[in-house]
Amino acid sequence: MQKILIANRGEIAVRIARACAEAGYRSVAVYADQDLDAMHVRLADEAFALPGTTAAETYLSIAALLDAARASGADAVHPGYGFLSESAEFARAVESAGLTWIGPSPETIDALGDKVSARAIALRAGAPLAPGTDRPLADAAEAVAFAREHGVPVVVKAAFGGGGRGLKVARTVEEVADAFDAAMREAVAAFGRGACFIERYLEHPRHVEVQVLGDGDGTVVVVGDRDCTLQRRSQKLIEEAPAPRLHDEQRARMHAAARDICAAVDYRGAGTVEFLLGRDGTISFLEVNTRLQVEHPVTEAVTGVDLVREQFRIAEGLGPSCSTTPPSTGHAIELRLNAEDPGRGFLPSPGRIEALRVPAGPGIRWDSGVEAGDRVEAAFDSLVAKLIVHAADRDSAIARMRRALRELLVTGVATVAPVATAVLGEPDFATATFSVSTQWIEATLMPRLAPQARSARADAPAMQRVPIELDGRRILVGLPETLLMAASGASRADTDAAGGAVSAPQEDAVLAPVPGTVVRWMADEGASVEAGTPIAVLDAMKMETVVLAHRSGTLVQRAPVGCDVALDEAIARIER
């Protein structure tokens, strides 16, 4: 490998570009229109546009990514995480184009990326499993039938993908159909495929995962384990390594199951096997993520193993650098700094980062995709940065994270930093009992959290593609609309004035709580609704947000399904 195309954006694209520089590879960034001047674009050796503004047009477009690889002369592709990182179709397309795919084989991704197939492999490997379907659900009625037979609570999960998207819990039979529909919509939006399955849900479990490296020929090395229990909306917020309060037998059983599952499919590269751990000690296999994980830095901190460099080694045919599980030294904790407002139910908070002060000092690592002045885009994930601390033991790591959070300053967007600060002071988390669960944040902390200041609206500059002639060839150049306006003597104010001023919202207006896309109306046009009734669903930062009626009256819809809306834009009226 000489030149690696990074088929991703944001923090992980920056992480991979840095690893490329240290390993002697040239890096190629790709970008959507609104990422024209993003940090990952600035740091890579080269950058190529993916014309468009949506994930489907850009980072999820196999054709566009391969075009960029050909144009740049890249000979390898690293998918990062999210987007197409667990797409067997993309892996096959990369290999068919004669490029090196830095990840598991397409056959392995097919076998483990489909959570139904992965369950069957885990069962043959002797891993413990909760009751669930052995194939994707045909429809909501089938999900309801499973719940009636096996009881509730149940969880509906996207068969492809991960990261909490396409995952919905139903605690009554009446909730199951809606959970299926919502999981399917999120799965299509995030992963392009809506297949879902259902299984019994363990209440108040811990989430523990095992990091593996495989050489592609049946040898799999366990690198360590992590606890990822602290979550909201089934997405992780705080992770640590090694997983605290695990009995030796539990740790050994999870490590062995992870190794056996991955060895059964000749796993190649870095991967993660996830488990749920019930309060009674029950272990249940959850899934295999056939990619690098967001939380990989905590494992790197305690083992000294650079997992991205290991991915490069394995893709070159050299195999993992370690043949046995490396010793774990000290304790590491990671905070995912998402642009979300916990006091408003973790609503996404896109906007411009006005000021950013980054923590520093011994044992601090900051992995970020933004700098002060950059925008957090509504079209993509809410992850802004990751704050990682490493210390001699867990108590010291908690103290170091507290100190780092006191130093951290972010203005312009709301973040989850107040949640982390609150968590670190809670005995359920900070003491040796470690009695938190995956629902603990929402059930215990959220009611105490105050809303943060709303983010100022910060739209990405609109792009126009202008044809020019360069050395006898006609090419398209993407230019910000503001630059073209300046060249023509026009201004945004002129454009706004031409279109008419936007009036202040009326008291009957239903305002969008987040910028996003209307994906569903839950109440019909002209319906009589009560205050607090769910009336619409918005997709924002790959997550669904339910919009409630703010008063009683008759619903008048103003935004059709598929319409993009801005923060505080009126999507409906409720007339009296």
Protein backbone atom coordinates (compact mmCIF):
# COMPACT_ATOMS: atom_id res chain seq x y z
CA MET A 1 0.00 0.00 0.00
CA GLN A 2 1.18 3.50 -0.85
CA LYS A 3 -1.86 5.78 -0.77
CA ILE A 4 -4.97 5.22 1.37
CA LEU A 5 -8.35 6.76 0.62
CA ILE A 6 -10.27 7.44 3.84
CA ALA A 7 -13.93 6.78 3.05
CA ASN A 8 -15.24 8.80 5.99
CA ARG A 9 -15.31 12.21 7.64
CA GLY A 10 -14.85 13.94 10.97
CA GLU A 11 -12.93 12.62 13.94
CA ILE A 12 -12.20 9.15 12.59
CA ALA A 13 -10.96 10.49 9.26
CA VAL A 14 -8.53 12.71 11.17
CA ARG A 15 -7.42 9.73 13.29
CA ILE A 16 -6.70 7.61 10.20
CA ALA A 17 -4.92 10.45 8.37
CA ARG A 18 -2.59 10.85 11.34
CA ALA A 19 -1.91 7.11 11.43
CA CYS A 20 -1.13 7.21 7.70
CA ALA A 21 1.39 10.00 8.24
CA GLU A 22 3.16 8.05 11.00
CA ALA A 23 3.19 4.80 9.01
CA GLY A 24 4.50 6.39 5.82
CA TYR A 25 1.33 6.25 3.70
CA ARG A 26 -0.19 9.16 1.82
CA SER A 27 -3.76 9.93 2.85
CA VAL A 28 -6.67 10.97 0.65
CA ALA A 29 -9.70 12.67 2.20
CA VAL A 30 -13.15 12.89 0.65
CA TYR A 31 -15.79 15.47 1.49
CA ALA A 32 -19.40 16.47 1.01
CA ASP A 33 -20.16 20.05 0.02
CA GLN A 34 -20.60 21.25 3.59
CA ASP A 35 -17.30 19.60 4.60
CA LEU A 36 -15.34 21.64 2.05
CA ASP A 37 -13.05 23.10 4.73
CA ALA A 38 -13.44 20.43 7.40
CA MET A 39 -10.52 19.45 9.62
CA HIS A 40 -10.07 16.03 8.00
CA VAL A 41 -9.81 17.74 4.60
CA ARG A 42 -7.19 20.17 5.87
CA LEU A 43 -5.02 17.46 7.44
CA ALA A 44 -4.99 14.85 4.67
CA ASP A 45 -2.33 14.89 1.96
CA GLU A 46 -5.00 15.17 -0.75
CA ALA A 47 -8.76 15.77 -0.82
CA PHE A 48 -11.44 14.99 -3.40
CA ALA A 49 -15.04 16.18 -3.51
CA LEU A 50 -18.06 13.90 -3.32
CA PRO A 51 -20.63 16.18 -4.97
CA GLY A 52 -23.70 16.45 -2.78
CA THR A 53 -24.87 17.33 0.71
CA THR A 54 -26.57 14.19 2.03
CA ALA A 55 -24.96 11.00 3.30
CA ALA A 56 -26.59 9.03 0.46
CA GLU A 57 -25.04 11.31 -2.17
CA THR A 58 -21.60 11.32 -0.60
CA TYR A 59 -20.20 9.08 2.13
CA LEU A 60 -22.71 6.30 1.37
CA SER A 61 -22.18 6.45 -2.41
CA ILE A 62 -19.97 3.58 -3.50
CA ALA A 63 -19.69 4.98 -7.03
CA ALA A 64 -18.62 8.41 -5.79
CA LEU A 65 -16.02 6.95 -3.41
CA LEU A 66 -14.52 4.70 -6.09
CA ASP A 67 -14.40 7.65 -8.48
CA ALA A 68 -12.40 9.55 -5.85
CA ALA A 69 -10.08 6.57 -5.38
CA ARG A 70 -9.42 6.38 -9.11
CA ALA A 71 -8.92 10.13 -9.45
CA SER A 72 -6.46 10.21 -6.56
CA GLY A 73 -4.54 7.08 -7.52
CA ALA A 74 -5.21 5.50 -4.13
CA ASP A 75 -4.40 1.80 -3.89
CA ALA A 76 -6.22 1.08 -0.59
CA VAL A 77 -9.40 2.15 1.20
CA HIS A 78 -9.99 2.52 4.94
CA PRO A 79 -13.70 2.85 5.76
CA GLY A 80 -13.38 4.13 9.35
CA TYR A 81 -16.60 3.43 11.27
CA GLY A 82 -20.20 4.13 10.39
CA PHE A 83 -21.27 4.86 6.82
CA LEU A 84 -20.04 1.96 4.61
CA SER A 85 -17.57 0.46 7.10
CA GLU A 86 -19.66 -2.71 7.48
CA SER A 87 -20.87 -2.93 3.89
CA ALA A 88 -19.87 -6.16 2.16
CA GLU A 89 -21.00 -4.59 -1.11
CA PHE A 90 -18.52 -1.76 -0.67
CA ALA A 91 -15.73 -4.15 0.34
CA ARG A 92 -16.38 -6.23 -2.79
CA ALA A 93 -16.45 -3.15 -4.99
CA VAL A 94 -13.13 -1.96 -3.56
CA GLU A 95 -11.47 -5.32 -4.10
CA SER A 96 -13.01 -5.70 -7.58
CA ALA A 97 -11.45 -2.34 -8.46
CA GLY A 98 -8.04 -3.81 -7.61
CA LEU A 99 -7.68 -1.88 -4.35
CA THR A 100 -6.80 -3.16 -0.88
CA TRP A 101 -9.74 -3.21 1.53
CA ILE A 102 -8.53 -2.41 5.05
CA GLY A 103 -11.00 -4.57 6.90
CA PRO A 104 -12.55 -8.04 7.06
CA SER A 105 -13.32 -9.95 3.90
CA PRO A 106 -16.72 -9.33 2.26
CA GLU A 107 -17.71 -12.89 3.19
CA THR A 108 -16.95 -12.23 6.86
CA ILE A 109 -18.88 -8.95 6.81
CA ASP A 110 -21.84 -10.80 5.28
CA ALA A 111 -21.70 -13.51 7.93
CA LEU A 112 -21.21 -11.27 10.97
CA GLY A 113 -22.68 -7.97 9.79
CA ASP A 114 -26.07 -9.64 9.47
CA LYS A 115 -26.97 -9.97 13.13
CA VAL A 116 -29.26 -12.92 12.43
CA SER A 117 -26.44 -14.87 10.78
CA ALA A 118 -24.07 -13.77 13.56
CA ARG A 119 -26.43 -15.25 16.15
CA ALA A 120 -26.25 -18.61 14.40
CA ILE A 121 -22.43 -18.49 14.32
CA ALA A 122 -22.32 -17.54 17.99
CA LEU A 123 -24.66 -20.39 18.86
CA ARG A 124 -22.38 -22.89 17.09
CA ALA A 125 -19.41 -21.40 18.94
CA GLY A 126 -21.14 -22.00 22.27
CA ALA A 127 -21.77 -18.35 23.14
CA PRO A 128 -24.79 -17.62 25.36
CA LEU A 129 -27.78 -16.08 23.57
CA ALA A 130 -31.12 -14.54 24.55
CA PRO A 131 -34.20 -15.89 22.66
CA GLY A 132 -34.64 -14.19 19.27
CA THR A 133 -35.65 -14.67 15.64
CA ASP A 134 -33.40 -16.63 13.32
CA ARG A 135 -34.27 -14.49 10.27
CA PRO A 136 -35.28 -10.87 9.54
CA LEU A 137 -38.85 -9.94 10.40
CA ALA A 138 -41.32 -9.84 7.52
CA ASP A 139 -43.44 -7.07 9.06
CA ALA A 140 -44.63 -5.49 12.28
CA ALA A 141 -47.23 -8.23 12.79
CA GLU A 142 -44.47 -10.83 13.01
CA ALA A 143 -42.71 -8.74 15.66
CA VAL A 144 -45.92 -8.53 17.66
CA ALA A 145 -46.40 -12.31 17.38
CA PHE A 146 -42.88 -12.90 18.79
CA ALA A 147 -43.59 -10.57 21.71
CA ARG A 148 -46.85 -12.38 22.50
CA GLU A 149 -45.07 -15.76 22.45
CA HIS A 150 -41.88 -14.87 24.35
CA GLY A 151 -43.07 -11.94 26.44
CA VAL A 152 -41.83 -8.39 26.85
CA PRO A 153 -39.67 -6.42 27.01
CA VAL A 154 -38.27 -7.03 23.53
CA VAL A 155 -35.80 -5.15 21.39
CA VAL A 156 -36.11 -4.64 17.63
CA LYS A 157 -32.70 -4.25 15.96
CA ALA A 158 -31.47 -3.45 12.49
CA ALA A 159 -29.92 -6.61 11.04
CA PHE A 160 -27.21 -4.46 9.45
CA GLY A 161 -25.37 -1.59 11.08
CA GLY A 162 -24.95 -0.58 14.69
CA GLY A 163 -24.20 2.39 16.93
CA GLY A 164 -27.65 2.26 18.48
CA ARG A 165 -29.35 3.28 15.25
CA GLY A 166 -32.20 1.08 14.19
CA LEU A 167 -32.62 -0.20 17.76
CA LYS A 168 -35.90 0.23 19.62
CA VAL A 169 -37.09 -1.28 22.90
CA ALA A 170 -40.76 -2.14 23.50
CA ARG A 171 -41.91 -2.85 27.05
CA THR A 172 -45.53 -3.60 26.16
CA VAL A 173 -47.00 -5.58 23.28
CA GLU A 174 -48.82 -2.44 22.16
CA GLU A 175 -45.49 -0.67 21.60
CA VAL A 176 -43.96 -3.39 19.41
CA ALA A 177 -45.41 -2.37 16.03
CA ASP A 178 -44.29 1.24 16.42
CA ALA A 179 -40.86 0.06 17.59
CA PHE A 180 -40.53 -2.08 14.46
CA ASP A 181 -41.53 0.78 12.15
CA ALA A 182 -39.15 3.26 13.84
CA ALA A 183 -36.23 0.80 13.84
CA MET A 184 -36.75 0.07 10.15
CA ARG A 185 -36.86 3.78 9.21
CA GLU A 186 -33.69 4.54 11.18
CA ALA A 187 -31.93 1.53 9.64
CA VAL A 188 -32.80 2.65 6.10
CA ALA A 189 -31.67 6.23 6.84
CA ALA A 190 -28.39 5.23 8.49
CA PHE A 191 -27.40 2.05 6.64
CA GLY A 192 -29.50 1.90 3.49
CA ARG A 193 -31.15 -1.41 4.52
CA GLY A 194 -34.19 -1.83 6.70
CA ALA A 195 -34.08 -5.52 7.67
CA CYS A 196 -34.71 -5.98 11.40
CA PHE A 197 -34.95 -8.87 13.87
CA ILE A 198 -36.29 -9.13 17.40
CA GLU A 199 -35.10 -10.70 20.64
CA ARG A 200 -35.89 -10.68 24.36
CA TYR A 201 -34.45 -7.66 26.08
CA LEU A 202 -32.44 -7.87 29.30
CA GLU A 203 -33.55 -5.09 31.64
CA HIS A 204 -30.83 -3.01 33.30
CA PRO A 205 -27.88 -4.86 31.76
CA ARG A 206 -24.26 -3.84 31.43
CA HIS A 207 -22.67 -3.63 27.98
CA VAL A 208 -19.25 -5.30 27.73
CA GLU A 209 -17.21 -5.80 24.58
CA VAL A 210 -14.07 -7.64 23.55
CA GLN A 211 -11.51 -6.26 21.08
CA VAL A 212 -10.01 -8.75 18.64
CA LEU A 213 -7.45 -8.81 15.83
CA GLY A 214 -7.48 -11.57 13.22
CA ASP A 215 -4.98 -12.51 10.53
CA GLY A 216 -7.61 -13.78 8.06
CA ASP A 217 -6.40 -17.38 8.31
CA GLY A 218 -8.15 -18.49 11.49
CA THR A 219 -5.82 -16.99 14.10
CA VAL A 220 -7.54 -14.46 16.35
CA VAL A 221 -5.94 -12.53 19.22
CA VAL A 222 -8.00 -10.92 21.98
CA VAL A 223 -6.54 -7.49 22.71
CA GLY A 224 -8.69 -6.68 25.74
CA ASP A 225 -12.16 -5.77 26.93
CA ARG A 226 -14.13 -2.57 27.56
CA ASP A 227 -17.25 -1.50 29.40
CA CYS A 228 -19.66 0.61 27.34
CA THR A 229 -22.65 0.63 29.68
CA LEU A 230 -23.13 4.40 29.97
CA GLN A 231 -25.47 5.11 27.06
CA ARG A 232 -28.37 7.29 25.96
CA ARG A 233 -30.77 6.38 23.15
CA SER A 234 -28.87 3.07 23.03
CA GLN A 235 -25.72 4.90 21.93
CA LYS A 236 -22.58 4.90 24.02
CA LEU A 237 -21.36 8.01 25.82
CA ILE A 238 -18.68 6.84 28.27
CA GLU A 239 -16.44 3.82 27.83
CA GLU A 240 -13.59 2.41 29.87
CA ALA A 241 -10.94 -0.29 29.77
CA PRO A 242 -10.52 -2.76 31.20
CA ALA A 243 -14.16 -3.47 32.04
CA PRO A 244 -14.59 -2.96 35.81
CA ARG A 245 -16.12 -5.46 38.22
CA LEU A 246 -15.84 -8.51 35.99
CA HIS A 247 -15.19 -11.89 37.63
CA ASP A 248 -12.26 -13.80 36.16
CA GLU A 249 -14.66 -16.48 34.93
CA GLN A 250 -16.88 -13.93 33.18
CA ARG A 251 -13.91 -12.26 31.51
CA ALA A 252 -12.47 -15.61 30.40
CA ARG A 253 -15.83 -16.73 29.00
CA MET A 254 -16.31 -13.54 26.98
CA HIS A 255 -12.74 -13.60 25.64
CA ALA A 256 -13.06 -17.25 24.59
CA ALA A 257 -16.45 -16.71 22.93
CA ALA A 258 -15.18 -13.66 21.03
CA ARG A 259 -12.12 -15.55 19.83
CA ASP A 260 -14.10 -18.62 18.78
CA ILE A 261 -16.80 -16.65 16.95
CA CYS A 262 -14.24 -14.71 14.91
CA ALA A 263 -11.97 -17.69 14.28
CA ALA A 264 -14.96 -19.55 12.81
CA VAL A 265 -15.13 -17.04 9.96
CA ASP A 266 -11.37 -16.47 9.47
CA TYR A 267 -11.67 -12.93 10.75
CA ARG A 268 -9.26 -10.40 9.25
CA GLY A 269 -8.40 -7.07 10.83
CA ALA A 270 -9.83 -5.31 13.89
CA GLY A 271 -13.26 -6.24 15.22
CA THR A 272 -15.35 -6.13 18.36
CA VAL A 273 -17.61 -8.78 19.90
CA GLU A 274 -20.28 -7.32 22.17
CA PHE A 275 -22.15 -8.88 25.09
CA LEU A 276 -24.84 -7.91 27.55
CA LEU A 277 -24.22 -8.79 31.18
CA GLY A 278 -27.34 -9.09 33.34
CA ARG A 279 -27.44 -8.16 37.00
CA ASP A 280 -27.71 -11.83 37.85
CA GLY A 281 -24.47 -12.57 35.97
CA THR A 282 -26.20 -13.81 32.80
CA ILE A 283 -24.06 -13.23 29.70
CA SER A 284 -25.78 -12.84 26.32
CA PHE A 285 -24.02 -12.40 22.97
CA LEU A 286 -25.12 -9.17 21.31
CA GLU A 287 -23.34 -8.64 17.99
CA VAL A 288 -20.02 -8.38 16.16
CA ASN A 289 -18.89 -5.04 14.78
CA THR A 290 -16.74 -5.79 11.75
CA ARG A 291 -14.80 -2.53 11.94
CA LEU A 292 -12.89 -0.21 14.20
CA GLN A 293 -14.94 1.02 17.16
CA VAL A 294 -15.38 4.63 18.26
CA GLU A 295 -14.08 3.62 21.69
CA HIS A 296 -10.90 1.95 20.46
CA PRO A 297 -8.63 4.56 22.16
CA VAL A 298 -9.27 3.21 25.67
CA THR A 299 -7.95 -0.20 24.61
CA GLU A 300 -4.96 1.47 22.95
CA ALA A 301 -4.26 3.39 26.15
CA VAL A 302 -4.09 0.37 28.45
CA THR A 303 -2.38 -2.05 26.04
CA GLY A 304 -0.08 0.20 24.01
CA VAL A 305 -1.42 -1.36 20.80
CA ASP A 306 -2.19 1.11 17.97
CA LEU A 307 -5.26 -0.51 16.45
CA VAL A 308 -5.25 1.55 13.26
CA ARG A 309 -1.61 0.65 12.62
CA GLU A 310 -2.57 -2.97 13.29
CA GLN A 311 -5.24 -2.67 10.59
CA PHE A 312 -2.57 -1.47 8.18
CA ARG A 313 -0.24 -4.37 9.12
CA ILE A 314 -2.93 -6.97 8.62
CA ALA A 315 -4.03 -5.47 5.29
CA GLU A 316 -0.38 -5.72 4.16
CA GLY A 317 -0.42 -9.43 5.04
CA LEU A 318 1.83 -9.11 8.08
CA GLY A 319 -0.73 -10.21 10.69
CA PRO A 320 -1.17 -8.73 14.18
CA SER A 321 1.96 -7.60 16.00
CA CYS A 322 0.87 -9.48 19.15
CA SER A 323 0.33 -13.23 19.30
CA THR A 324 -1.30 -13.30 22.76
CA THR A 325 -3.47 -10.93 24.79
CA PRO A 326 -1.20 -8.02 25.81
CA PRO A 327 -1.07 -7.10 29.50
CA SER A 328 -3.32 -4.27 30.59
CA THR A 329 -1.64 -1.35 32.35
CA GLY A 330 -3.67 1.16 34.34
CA HIS A 331 -7.19 2.29 33.48
CA ALA A 332 -8.62 4.45 30.68
CA ILE A 333 -11.93 6.29 30.30
CA GLU A 334 -13.36 7.90 27.16
CA LEU A 335 -16.08 10.51 26.82
CA ARG A 336 -17.80 10.93 23.47
CA LEU A 337 -18.32 14.67 23.25
CA ASN A 338 -21.53 14.81 21.21
CA ALA A 339 -23.26 18.01 20.17
CA GLU A 340 -26.48 17.24 22.02
CA ASP A 341 -28.43 18.90 24.81
CA PRO A 342 -29.03 16.41 27.66
CA GLY A 343 -31.42 18.82 29.38
CA ARG A 344 -33.69 18.63 26.35
CA GLY A 345 -33.65 14.87 26.06
CA PHE A 346 -30.32 14.74 24.16
CA LEU A 347 -31.73 16.69 21.23
CA PRO A 348 -29.05 17.23 18.54
CA SER A 349 -27.38 20.64 18.69
CA PRO A 350 -25.74 21.39 15.35
CA GLY A 351 -24.20 24.80 14.81
CA ARG A 352 -20.90 26.67 14.79
CA ILE A 353 -18.31 26.08 17.50
CA GLU A 354 -17.55 29.61 18.62
CA ALA A 355 -14.83 28.80 21.16
CA LEU A 356 -12.99 25.60 22.05
CA ARG A 357 -10.47 25.09 24.87
CA VAL A 358 -8.99 21.60 24.81
CA PRO A 359 -7.81 19.87 28.02
CA ALA A 360 -4.13 18.94 28.22
CA GLY A 361 -1.55 17.56 30.62
CA PRO A 362 -0.44 14.07 31.67
CA GLY A 363 -2.59 11.18 30.52
CA ILE A 364 -4.92 13.26 28.32
CA ARG A 365 -5.76 12.41 24.70
CA TRP A 366 -8.05 14.51 22.50
CA ASP A 367 -9.35 12.97 19.24
CA SER A 368 -11.39 15.52 17.33
CA GLY A 369 -12.73 16.35 13.90
CA VAL A 370 -13.33 20.04 14.59
CA GLU A 371 -11.58 23.19 15.70
CA ALA A 372 -12.93 26.54 16.88
CA GLY A 373 -14.91 28.14 14.07
CA ASP A 374 -15.92 24.83 12.48
CA ARG A 375 -19.54 23.74 12.09
CA VAL A 376 -21.20 20.65 13.51
CA GLU A 377 -23.32 19.57 10.56
CA ALA A 378 -26.96 18.61 10.99
CA ALA A 379 -26.74 16.13 8.11
CA PHE A 380 -24.26 13.86 9.86
CA ASP A 381 -23.41 12.32 13.23
CA SER A 382 -23.38 14.45 16.39
CA LEU A 383 -19.90 13.31 17.51
CA VAL A 384 -17.61 16.34 17.86
CA ALA A 385 -14.62 14.87 19.68
CA LYS A 386 -13.46 12.19 22.10
CA LEU A 387 -11.77 12.96 25.40
CA ILE A 388 -9.65 10.05 26.66
CA VAL A 389 -7.77 9.84 29.95
CA HIS A 390 -5.34 7.18 31.21
CA ALA A 391 -4.09 6.76 34.75
CA ALA A 392 -2.61 4.17 37.10
CA ASP A 393 -6.01 2.89 38.33
CA ARG A 394 -9.73 3.55 37.96
CA ASP A 395 -10.00 6.05 40.81
CA SER A 396 -7.11 8.04 39.37
CA ALA A 397 -8.63 7.93 35.89
CA ILE A 398 -11.92 9.29 37.25
CA ALA A 399 -10.07 12.11 39.00
CA ARG A 400 -8.15 12.90 35.82
CA MET A 401 -11.34 13.00 33.74
CA ARG A 402 -12.90 15.39 36.27
CA ARG A 403 -9.89 17.66 35.94
CA ALA A 404 -10.02 17.46 32.13
CA LEU A 405 -13.71 18.36 32.06
CA ARG A 406 -13.06 21.41 34.25
CA GLU A 407 -10.54 22.59 31.62
CA LEU A 408 -12.81 21.84 28.65
CA LEU A 409 -14.68 24.80 27.16
CA VAL A 410 -17.06 24.57 24.20
CA THR A 411 -19.38 27.41 23.22
CA GLY A 412 -21.76 27.74 20.29
CA VAL A 413 -23.26 24.26 20.56
CA ALA A 414 -24.64 22.30 23.49
CA THR A 415 -22.67 19.19 24.45
CA VAL A 416 -22.98 16.15 26.69
CA ALA A 417 -20.15 17.33 28.97
CA PRO A 418 -22.59 18.07 31.85
CA VAL A 419 -23.69 14.42 31.75
CA ALA A 420 -20.12 13.22 32.09
CA THR A 421 -19.48 15.60 34.97
CA ALA A 422 -22.61 14.36 36.74
CA VAL A 423 -21.78 10.70 36.09
CA LEU A 424 -18.30 11.01 37.56
CA GLY A 425 -19.76 12.17 40.85
CA GLU A 426 -22.36 9.41 41.16
CA PRO A 427 -21.59 6.56 43.60
CA ASP A 428 -23.32 4.08 41.25
CA PHE A 429 -20.54 4.76 38.74
CA ALA A 430 -17.58 6.01 40.70
CA THR A 431 -17.42 3.40 43.47
CA ALA A 432 -16.36 -0.23 43.32
CA THR A 433 -19.99 -1.40 43.20
CA PHE A 434 -20.31 -0.07 39.62
CA SER A 435 -24.08 -0.63 39.59
CA VAL A 436 -24.99 1.33 36.44
CA SER A 437 -26.91 -0.11 33.49
CA THR A 438 -27.54 0.85 29.88
CA GLN A 439 -30.71 2.73 30.91
CA TRP A 440 -29.16 4.41 33.97
CA ILE A 441 -28.42 7.80 32.39
CA GLU A 442 -31.92 8.30 31.06
CA ALA A 443 -33.65 6.89 34.14
CA THR A 444 -31.47 8.46 36.85
CA LEU A 445 -29.64 11.52 35.54
CA MET A 446 -31.77 13.11 32.84
CA PRO A 447 -34.49 14.42 35.17
CA ARG A 448 -31.84 16.47 37.01
CA LEU A 449 -30.18 18.06 33.98
CA ALA A 450 -30.91 21.67 33.02
CA PRO A 451 -31.22 22.68 29.37
CA GLN A 452 -28.25 24.49 27.85
CA ALA A 453 -28.36 27.59 25.67
CA ARG A 454 -29.80 26.83 22.24
CA SER A 455 -27.25 26.71 19.46
CA ALA A 456 -27.23 29.65 17.10
CA ARG A 457 -28.27 28.71 13.60
CA ALA A 458 -25.17 28.17 11.45
CA ASP A 459 -26.06 26.97 8.00
CA ALA A 460 -23.36 25.49 5.81
CA PRO A 461 -22.53 27.74 2.84
CA ALA A 462 -24.49 26.71 -0.22
CA MET A 463 -22.33 25.36 -3.03
CA GLN A 464 -22.56 25.94 -6.76
CA ARG A 465 -20.61 23.95 -9.34
CA VAL A 466 -19.20 26.19 -12.04
CA PRO A 467 -17.75 24.86 -15.34
CA ILE A 468 -14.27 26.15 -16.18
CA GLU A 469 -11.64 25.17 -18.73
CA LEU A 470 -8.25 24.04 -17.42
CA ASP A 471 -5.47 22.97 -19.79
CA GLY A 472 -7.98 22.31 -22.53
CA ARG A 473 -10.32 20.25 -20.36
CA ARG A 474 -13.73 21.30 -19.10
CA ILE A 475 -14.14 20.57 -15.39
CA LEU A 476 -16.60 21.49 -12.64
CA VAL A 477 -15.35 23.51 -9.68
CA GLY A 478 -17.38 23.72 -6.47
CA LEU A 479 -17.50 27.24 -5.06
CA PRO A 480 -19.34 28.61 -2.02
CA GLU A 481 -22.41 30.58 -3.01
CA THR A 482 -21.27 33.50 -0.86
CA LEU A 483 -18.11 33.83 -2.99
CA LEU A 484 -20.15 33.90 -6.19
CA MET A 485 -22.48 36.48 -4.66
CA ALA A 486 -19.53 38.67 -3.72
CA ALA A 487 -18.15 38.39 -7.24
CA SER A 488 -21.50 39.45 -8.71
CA GLY A 489 -22.07 42.23 -6.16
CA ALA A 490 -25.07 40.46 -4.60
CA SER A 491 -25.48 39.58 -0.95
CA ARG A 492 -27.35 37.08 1.18
CA ALA A 493 -29.50 39.96 2.42
CA ASP A 494 -30.42 40.81 -1.17
CA THR A 495 -31.39 37.20 -1.79
CA ASP A 496 -33.43 37.00 1.39
CA ALA A 497 -35.16 40.29 0.62
CA ALA A 498 -36.07 39.06 -2.84
CA GLY A 499 -37.72 36.03 -1.35
CA GLY A 500 -39.58 38.00 1.31
CA ALA A 501 -38.85 38.36 4.97
CA VAL A 502 -39.54 35.46 7.29
CA SER A 503 -42.05 36.51 9.88
CA ALA A 504 -41.73 35.72 13.54
CA PRO A 505 -43.42 32.46 14.52
CA GLN A 506 -47.04 32.74 15.66
CA GLU A 507 -48.30 31.22 18.89
CA ASP A 508 -50.10 28.50 16.92
CA ALA A 509 -46.85 27.41 15.21
CA VAL A 510 -45.27 24.02 15.90
CA LEU A 511 -41.52 24.65 15.75
CA ALA A 512 -38.89 22.09 14.81
CA PRO A 513 -36.88 21.29 18.00
CA VAL A 514 -33.93 20.24 15.83
CA PRO A 515 -32.83 20.84 12.24
CA GLY A 516 -33.64 17.72 10.28
CA THR A 517 -35.94 15.95 7.84
CA VAL A 518 -39.64 15.23 8.30
CA VAL A 519 -39.88 11.44 8.03
CA ARG A 520 -43.38 10.83 9.31
CA TRP A 521 -46.59 12.55 10.34
CA MET A 522 -48.15 10.80 13.32
CA ALA A 523 -51.35 12.86 13.15
CA ASP A 524 -53.31 13.48 9.97
CA GLU A 525 -53.97 16.85 8.38
CA GLY A 526 -57.01 18.38 10.06
CA ALA A 527 -56.87 16.01 13.02
CA SER A 528 -57.88 17.19 16.47
CA VAL A 529 -54.88 16.87 18.80
CA GLU A 530 -54.27 17.40 22.49
CA ALA A 531 -51.28 19.17 24.05
CA GLY A 532 -48.42 16.69 24.39
CA THR A 533 -49.66 14.45 21.57
CA PRO A 534 -46.89 13.12 19.23
CA ILE A 535 -47.61 14.63 15.83
CA ALA A 536 -44.44 14.25 13.73
CA VAL A 537 -41.06 12.56 13.56
CA LEU A 538 -37.87 14.34 12.44
CA ASP A 539 -34.62 12.64 11.49
CA ALA A 540 -31.67 14.65 12.80
CA MET A 541 -28.07 13.52 12.97
CA LYS A 542 -29.22 9.98 12.07
CA MET A 543 -31.59 9.81 15.04
CA GLU A 544 -35.36 10.20 15.16
CA THR A 545 -36.88 12.99 17.28
CA VAL A 546 -40.61 13.04 18.05
CA VAL A 547 -42.33 16.42 17.85
CA LEU A 548 -45.17 17.01 20.34
CA ALA A 549 -48.16 19.30 20.04
CA HIS A 550 -47.60 22.36 22.22
CA ARG A 551 -51.33 22.98 22.64
CA SER A 552 -54.72 21.49 21.80
CA GLY A 553 -56.47 22.24 18.53
CA THR A 554 -56.66 21.31 14.84
CA LEU A 555 -53.46 20.27 13.08
CA VAL A 556 -52.46 22.05 9.87
CA GLN A 557 -49.33 20.54 8.36
CA ARG A 558 -46.82 22.90 6.74
CA ALA A 559 -43.93 20.56 5.87
CA PRO A 560 -44.40 17.42 3.75
CA VAL A 561 -42.63 14.14 4.47
CA GLY A 562 -39.09 14.35 3.10
CA CYS A 563 -38.86 18.10 3.66
CA ASP A 564 -35.71 19.49 5.33
CA VAL A 565 -36.47 21.95 8.12
CA ALA A 566 -34.31 24.33 10.13
CA LEU A 567 -34.15 24.73 13.89
CA ASP A 568 -37.27 26.55 15.12
CA GLU A 569 -38.84 26.51 11.66
CA ALA A 570 -42.63 26.13 11.74
CA ILE A 571 -43.55 22.66 10.50
CA ALA A 572 -47.25 22.94 11.39
CA ARG A 573 -49.94 25.06 13.02
CA ILE A 574 -52.40 24.05 15.68
CA GLU A 575 -55.46 26.19 15.21
CA ARG A 576 -58.23 26.77 17.73
